[in-house]
Each structure stands twice: as structure tokens, then as C-alpha cells.
């Protein structure tokens, strides 16, 4: 078996995340209007946003990812904020229990910002209709 470089492994992780997203959405009993996909790999984001020809390995996986997600659903998370990396940082069990990674403040702030922007737009639309 041929060893994969880190960017290709990150691409594999993004590929794995897409059907998991679909499974979670199917399992939920509440409506979900928006989904967000996060990666700490700027290379994966570049591949997703690139319109140029990619090597076969990359192109095939990007094609699969984009079958069930869109480019605008993918966002960057700093490696230090990525909860998937928590176990690789030598963190204590106590820190896991009380760690700030549980609240994911960076994610909450983004969603609040988006909600505020939507409310501003709706208010502007109402003013225009009057």
C-alpha cells in the first residue's frame, strides 16, 4: 500500500465527513436549514475551490465531496481550534471535561454573526417594502 502525504490524508478526512453529514441529517428529527463543513487544511479548501485540472487521486475525491456538498459550505478552522485534533495534543482527562473546545466559541460567533447579518437584511427589506 502506498503511503499518503498529509494533504491527501486531510482530503480523505473531508471525503469521510460528507457521507457522515448525510447520515446525521437523516437521523435528525428537526429540520436543518444550513450545514457547515470545517477543515483545518487550507490545501483541501484550495482543491475544493480550484477549477483547474487536478491529479486523478485528488480530482476523484473532490468530485465525490462535491456530489453531496457545495464549495460554499466549506470553511477553515485553525488547527488549534479544531476539536478533532484535541486528542493529539496531550490533553489531560480533566481538561477534556472542562475544556473550551466543548463550547466551540469560534463556531458560535460565526453563527451569531450570520444571524445578525440575516436580521439586518430582513430589516432593510421591510423598510424597502414600506
Protein backbone atom coordinates (compact mmCIF):
# COMPACT_ATOMS: atom_id res chain seq x y z
CA UNK A 1 0.00 0.00 0.00
CA UNK A 2 1.36 3.39 -0.99
CA UNK A 3 1.77 5.93 1.82
CA UNK A 4 -0.26 9.14 1.52
CA UNK A 5 1.05 12.62 2.24
CA UNK A 6 -0.67 14.79 4.86
CA UNK A 7 -2.73 16.88 2.39
CA UNK A 8 -4.11 13.71 0.78
CA UNK A 9 -4.97 12.31 4.21
CA UNK A 10 -6.77 15.58 5.00
CA UNK A 11 -8.64 15.18 1.71
CA UNK A 12 -9.62 11.65 2.76
CA UNK A 13 -10.95 13.08 6.04
CA UNK A 14 -13.08 15.60 4.12
CA UNK A 15 -14.36 12.79 1.93
CA UNK A 16 -15.25 10.74 5.01
CA UNK A 17 -17.09 13.71 6.52
CA UNK A 18 -19.51 14.13 3.61
CA UNK A 19 -21.49 10.87 3.99
CA UNK A 20 -21.37 11.31 7.78
CA UNK A 21 -23.08 14.68 7.32
CA UNK A 22 -25.79 13.00 5.25
CA UNK A 23 -26.26 10.29 7.89
CA UNK A 24 -26.60 12.86 10.67
CA UNK A 25 -29.13 14.88 8.68
CA UNK A 26 -31.20 11.75 8.02
CA UNK A 27 -31.12 10.78 11.70
CA UNK A 28 -32.25 14.19 12.98
CA UNK A 29 -35.93 14.73 13.62
CA UNK A 30 -35.68 18.50 13.33
CA UNK A 31 -35.35 20.50 10.11
CA UNK A 32 -31.84 21.75 9.29
CA UNK A 33 -31.64 24.76 7.01
CA UNK A 34 -27.85 25.14 6.78
CA UNK A 35 -24.92 22.81 7.11
CA UNK A 36 -21.31 23.81 7.56
CA UNK A 37 -18.27 21.69 6.79
CA UNK A 38 -14.98 22.52 8.52
CA UNK A 39 -11.38 21.63 7.73
CA UNK A 40 -8.09 22.87 9.08
CA UNK A 41 -6.46 22.08 5.74
CA UNK A 42 -6.04 25.10 3.50
CA UNK A 43 -4.85 22.70 0.80
CA UNK A 44 -8.19 20.86 0.84
CA UNK A 45 -10.04 24.19 0.63
CA UNK A 46 -7.86 25.22 -2.30
CA UNK A 47 -8.55 21.93 -4.07
CA UNK A 48 -12.30 22.35 -3.46
CA UNK A 49 -12.24 25.89 -4.88
CA UNK A 50 -9.94 25.13 -7.80
CA UNK A 51 -11.34 24.89 -11.27
CA UNK A 52 -8.06 23.68 -12.71
CA UNK A 53 -7.17 20.10 -13.55
CA UNK A 54 -6.04 18.10 -10.54
CA UNK A 55 -4.19 14.79 -10.27
CA UNK A 56 -6.55 11.81 -10.60
CA UNK A 57 -6.47 10.94 -6.88
CA UNK A 58 -7.43 14.50 -5.88
CA UNK A 59 -9.95 15.04 -8.69
CA UNK A 60 -11.84 11.82 -7.91
CA UNK A 61 -12.18 12.66 -4.23
CA UNK A 62 -13.11 16.29 -4.85
CA UNK A 63 -15.79 15.08 -7.26
CA UNK A 64 -17.23 12.76 -4.61
CA UNK A 65 -17.17 15.50 -1.95
CA UNK A 66 -18.97 17.93 -4.24
CA UNK A 67 -21.71 15.40 -5.01
CA UNK A 68 -23.21 15.97 -1.57
CA UNK A 69 -21.78 19.35 -0.52
CA UNK A 70 -21.10 22.68 -2.16
CA UNK A 71 -17.93 24.73 -2.09
CA UNK A 72 -19.64 27.48 -0.09
CA UNK A 73 -20.41 25.01 2.74
CA UNK A 74 -16.69 24.51 3.44
CA UNK A 75 -14.88 26.71 5.95
CA UNK A 76 -11.44 26.89 7.52
CA UNK A 77 -10.85 26.25 11.21
CA UNK A 78 -7.48 26.97 12.76
CA UNK A 79 -5.70 23.79 13.81
CA UNK A 80 -5.58 24.99 17.42
CA UNK A 81 -9.38 25.35 17.44
CA UNK A 82 -10.10 22.07 15.68
CA UNK A 83 -11.85 19.72 18.15
CA UNK A 84 -10.80 16.74 16.01
CA UNK A 85 -7.17 17.45 16.95
CA UNK A 86 -7.77 17.64 20.70
CA UNK A 87 -6.70 14.05 21.31
CA UNK A 88 -3.35 14.64 19.61
CA UNK A 89 -2.30 17.48 21.91
CA UNK A 90 -1.54 15.53 25.08
CA UNK A 91 -4.52 16.98 26.93
CA UNK A 92 -5.48 15.68 30.36
CA UNK A 93 -8.78 13.97 31.08
CA UNK A 94 -9.77 16.86 33.37
CA UNK A 95 -9.08 19.37 30.59
CA UNK A 96 -11.25 17.31 28.26
CA UNK A 97 -14.12 17.60 30.74
CA UNK A 98 -13.84 21.35 31.20
CA UNK A 99 -12.03 22.43 28.06
CA UNK A 100 -13.16 25.36 25.98
CA UNK A 101 -13.30 23.05 22.94
CA UNK A 102 -16.70 21.90 24.21
CA UNK A 103 -18.23 25.32 23.57
CA UNK A 104 -16.60 25.85 20.20
CA UNK A 105 -16.78 29.61 20.63
CA UNK A 106 -15.38 30.28 17.15
CA UNK A 107 -18.27 28.37 15.61
CA UNK A 108 -20.89 30.07 17.77
CA UNK A 109 -19.55 33.52 16.92
CA UNK A 110 -19.75 32.78 13.21
CA UNK A 111 -23.35 31.61 13.50
CA UNK A 112 -24.30 34.65 15.59
CA UNK A 113 -22.65 36.91 13.01
CA UNK A 114 -24.60 35.18 10.22
CA UNK A 115 -27.88 35.52 12.15
CA UNK A 116 -27.21 39.22 12.81
CA UNK A 117 -26.48 39.80 9.12
CA UNK A 118 -29.69 37.99 8.13
CA UNK A 119 -31.72 40.09 10.57
CA UNK A 120 -30.17 43.30 9.18
CA UNK A 121 -31.06 42.23 5.65
CA UNK A 122 -34.63 41.39 6.64
CA UNK A 123 -35.00 44.80 8.35
CA UNK A 124 -33.69 46.55 5.23
CA UNK A 125 -36.11 44.57 3.04
CA UNK A 126 -39.03 45.59 5.28
CA UNK A 127 -38.00 49.26 5.00
CA UNK A 128 -37.89 48.98 1.22
CA UNK A 129 -41.37 47.43 1.09
CA UNK A 130 -42.92 50.28 3.09
